[in-house]
Amino acid sequence: TQPIIAKDPKESIVKGGVIGIDFGTKSTVVVYQRDSGIISPIRVGIGDWSKGEKPEHFENPTVMEFIDL
């Protein structure tokens, strides 16, 4: 009954930094590093971005499908 509003992907682009993605066997974690050298985790896989940060927001289940081996 509620409309689905897509997040603008431009908001997720980090300019002038490095993104690291760890596709683990059970979960995926994303971090970024800007010029300051500080590495920060990025929240992934959450539906409501207005909620306060929780540890589980920084870890997303990994799902991969192999179609043509």
N, C-alpha and C. Protein backbone atom coordinates (compact mmCIF):
# COMPACT_ATOMS: atom_id res chain seq x y z
N THR A 1 0.80 -1.20 0.00
CA THR A 1 0.00 0.00 0.00
C THR A 1 0.85 1.27 0.00
N GLN A 2 2.11 1.15 0.43
CA GLN A 2 2.99 2.32 0.43
C GLN A 2 3.82 2.32 -0.85
N PRO A 3 4.02 3.49 -1.45
CA PRO A 3 4.83 3.53 -2.67
C PRO A 3 6.30 3.23 -2.37
N ILE A 4 6.96 2.61 -3.32
CA ILE A 4 8.40 2.33 -3.19
C ILE A 4 9.15 3.49 -3.82
N ILE A 5 10.07 4.07 -3.05
CA ILE A 5 10.86 5.20 -3.54
C ILE A 5 12.30 4.74 -3.66
N ALA A 6 12.83 4.78 -4.86
CA ALA A 6 14.21 4.34 -5.09
C ALA A 6 15.18 5.41 -4.61
N LYS A 7 16.28 4.98 -4.03
CA LYS A 7 17.33 5.89 -3.60
C LYS A 7 18.14 6.31 -4.82
N ASP A 8 18.46 7.58 -4.90
CA ASP A 8 19.28 8.08 -6.00
C ASP A 8 20.69 7.52 -5.88
N PRO A 9 21.17 6.72 -6.86
CA PRO A 9 22.50 6.12 -6.74
C PRO A 9 23.63 7.14 -6.69
N LYS A 10 23.40 8.36 -7.16
CA LYS A 10 24.44 9.39 -7.10
C LYS A 10 24.81 9.73 -5.66
N GLU A 11 23.87 9.53 -4.73
CA GLU A 11 24.14 9.81 -3.32
C GLU A 11 25.15 8.83 -2.73
N SER A 12 25.31 7.67 -3.36
CA SER A 12 26.19 6.62 -2.83
C SER A 12 27.61 6.71 -3.40
N ILE A 13 27.84 7.61 -4.33
CA ILE A 13 29.15 7.70 -4.96
C ILE A 13 30.09 8.50 -4.06
N VAL A 14 31.22 7.90 -3.74
CA VAL A 14 32.25 8.58 -2.94
C VAL A 14 33.26 9.17 -3.92
N LYS A 15 33.43 10.47 -3.86
CA LYS A 15 34.36 11.13 -4.78
C LYS A 15 35.71 11.31 -4.11
N GLY A 16 36.77 10.96 -4.83
CA GLY A 16 38.11 11.19 -4.32
C GLY A 16 38.55 10.22 -3.25
N GLY A 17 38.13 8.97 -3.34
CA GLY A 17 38.52 8.00 -2.34
C GLY A 17 38.62 6.60 -2.92
N VAL A 18 38.76 5.63 -2.04
CA VAL A 18 38.88 4.23 -2.44
C VAL A 18 37.78 3.44 -1.75
N ILE A 19 37.13 2.54 -2.49
CA ILE A 19 36.09 1.67 -1.94
C ILE A 19 36.65 0.25 -1.86
N GLY A 20 36.41 -0.43 -0.76
CA GLY A 20 36.79 -1.83 -0.61
C GLY A 20 35.56 -2.67 -0.32
N ILE A 21 35.40 -3.78 -1.05
CA ILE A 21 34.27 -4.67 -0.84
C ILE A 21 34.80 -6.06 -0.52
N ASP A 22 34.40 -6.60 0.61
CA ASP A 22 34.80 -7.95 1.02
C ASP A 22 33.60 -8.86 0.85
N PHE A 23 33.63 -9.71 -0.19
CA PHE A 23 32.58 -10.70 -0.40
C PHE A 23 32.97 -11.94 0.38
N GLY A 24 32.56 -12.00 1.62
CA GLY A 24 32.88 -13.15 2.46
C GLY A 24 31.97 -14.33 2.17
N THR A 25 32.21 -15.44 2.84
CA THR A 25 31.39 -16.63 2.62
C THR A 25 29.99 -16.49 3.20
N LYS A 26 29.84 -15.66 4.23
CA LYS A 26 28.52 -15.47 4.85
C LYS A 26 28.00 -14.05 4.72
N SER A 27 28.89 -13.07 4.61
CA SER A 27 28.43 -11.69 4.57
C SER A 27 29.37 -10.82 3.73
N THR A 28 28.83 -9.68 3.32
CA THR A 28 29.57 -8.70 2.54
C THR A 28 29.73 -7.43 3.37
N VAL A 29 30.93 -6.87 3.38
CA VAL A 29 31.20 -5.64 4.10
C VAL A 29 31.83 -4.65 3.13
N VAL A 30 31.39 -3.38 3.20
CA VAL A 30 31.90 -2.33 2.32
C VAL A 30 32.52 -1.23 3.17
N VAL A 31 33.71 -0.77 2.79
CA VAL A 31 34.39 0.32 3.49
C VAL A 31 34.90 1.33 2.46
N TYR A 32 35.14 2.56 2.92
CA TYR A 32 35.76 3.55 2.04
C TYR A 32 36.85 4.30 2.80
N GLN A 33 37.79 4.81 2.01
CA GLN A 33 38.90 5.57 2.56
C GLN A 33 39.06 6.83 1.72
N ARG A 34 39.05 7.96 2.38
CA ARG A 34 39.28 9.23 1.69
C ARG A 34 40.72 9.65 1.90
N ASP A 35 41.06 10.83 1.49
CA ASP A 35 42.43 11.33 1.56
C ASP A 35 43.00 11.35 2.98
N SER A 36 42.14 11.40 3.99
CA SER A 36 42.61 11.50 5.37
C SER A 36 43.28 10.22 5.86
N GLY A 37 43.04 9.10 5.17
CA GLY A 37 43.62 7.83 5.58
C GLY A 37 42.73 7.05 6.53
N ILE A 38 41.63 7.64 6.97
CA ILE A 38 40.70 6.96 7.86
C ILE A 38 39.80 6.05 7.03
N ILE A 39 39.70 4.78 7.44
CA ILE A 39 38.85 3.81 6.75
C ILE A 39 37.54 3.71 7.51
N SER A 40 36.42 3.92 6.81
CA SER A 40 35.10 3.92 7.44
C SER A 40 34.19 2.89 6.79
N PRO A 41 33.42 2.15 7.58
CA PRO A 41 32.45 1.21 7.00
C PRO A 41 31.26 1.97 6.42
N ILE A 42 30.60 1.36 5.44
CA ILE A 42 29.41 1.92 4.81
C ILE A 42 28.23 1.01 5.13
N ARG A 43 27.11 1.60 5.52
CA ARG A 43 25.91 0.80 5.78
C ARG A 43 25.39 0.24 4.46
N VAL A 44 25.08 -1.04 4.45
CA VAL A 44 24.56 -1.71 3.25
C VAL A 44 23.36 -2.56 3.61
N GLY A 45 22.47 -2.73 2.65
CA GLY A 45 21.35 -3.65 2.83
C GLY A 45 20.29 -3.22 3.81
N ILE A 46 20.17 -1.92 4.06
CA ILE A 46 19.10 -1.49 4.96
C ILE A 46 18.02 -0.79 4.13
N GLY A 47 16.80 -0.85 4.60
CA GLY A 47 15.69 -0.25 3.86
C GLY A 47 15.39 1.18 4.27
N ASP A 48 15.61 1.51 5.52
CA ASP A 48 15.26 2.83 6.03
C ASP A 48 16.53 3.55 6.47
N TRP A 49 17.01 4.45 5.63
CA TRP A 49 18.27 5.16 5.89
C TRP A 49 18.15 6.19 7.00
N SER A 50 16.92 6.49 7.43
CA SER A 50 16.75 7.50 8.48
C SER A 50 16.96 6.91 9.88
N LYS A 51 16.99 5.58 9.99
CA LYS A 51 17.20 4.95 11.29
C LYS A 51 18.63 5.17 11.78
N GLY A 52 18.80 5.16 13.08
CA GLY A 52 20.13 5.28 13.66
C GLY A 52 20.99 4.07 13.30
N GLU A 53 22.29 4.26 13.31
CA GLU A 53 23.20 3.18 12.93
C GLU A 53 23.20 2.06 13.96
N LYS A 54 23.23 0.81 13.44
CA LYS A 54 23.35 -0.38 14.27
C LYS A 54 24.44 -1.25 13.66
N PRO A 55 25.10 -2.07 14.46
CA PRO A 55 26.17 -2.92 13.92
C PRO A 55 25.73 -3.78 12.74
N GLU A 56 24.48 -4.27 12.77
CA GLU A 56 24.03 -5.14 11.69
C GLU A 56 23.82 -4.41 10.37
N HIS A 57 23.81 -3.09 10.37
CA HIS A 57 23.67 -2.32 9.13
C HIS A 57 24.94 -2.37 8.27
N PHE A 58 26.04 -2.77 8.85
CA PHE A 58 27.31 -2.75 8.14
C PHE A 58 27.70 -4.11 7.58
N GLU A 59 26.81 -5.07 7.69
CA GLU A 59 27.10 -6.42 7.21
C GLU A 59 25.87 -6.93 6.47
N ASN A 60 26.04 -7.32 5.23
CA ASN A 60 24.94 -7.76 4.39
C ASN A 60 25.17 -9.20 3.97
N PRO A 61 24.15 -10.06 4.01
CA PRO A 61 24.36 -11.44 3.57
C PRO A 61 24.88 -11.51 2.13
N THR A 62 25.83 -12.38 1.90
CA THR A 62 26.39 -12.57 0.56
C THR A 62 25.58 -13.63 -0.17
N VAL A 63 25.12 -13.30 -1.36
CA VAL A 63 24.41 -14.26 -2.21
C VAL A 63 25.03 -14.18 -3.59
N MET A 64 25.53 -15.29 -4.08
CA MET A 64 26.11 -15.35 -5.43
C MET A 64 25.48 -16.52 -6.18
N GLU A 65 25.27 -16.33 -7.46
CA GLU A 65 24.72 -17.39 -8.30
C GLU A 65 25.67 -17.61 -9.46
N PHE A 66 26.09 -18.84 -9.66
CA PHE A 66 26.94 -19.19 -10.78
C PHE A 66 26.06 -19.82 -11.85
N ILE A 67 25.95 -19.17 -12.99
CA ILE A 67 25.05 -19.62 -14.04
C ILE A 67 25.76 -20.50 -15.06
N ASP A 68 26.98 -20.10 -15.44
CA ASP A 68 27.68 -20.82 -16.51
C ASP A 68 29.10 -21.11 -16.04
N LEU A 69 29.33 -22.33 -15.57
CA LEU A 69 30.67 -22.71 -15.09
C LEU A 69 31.47 -23.38 -16.18
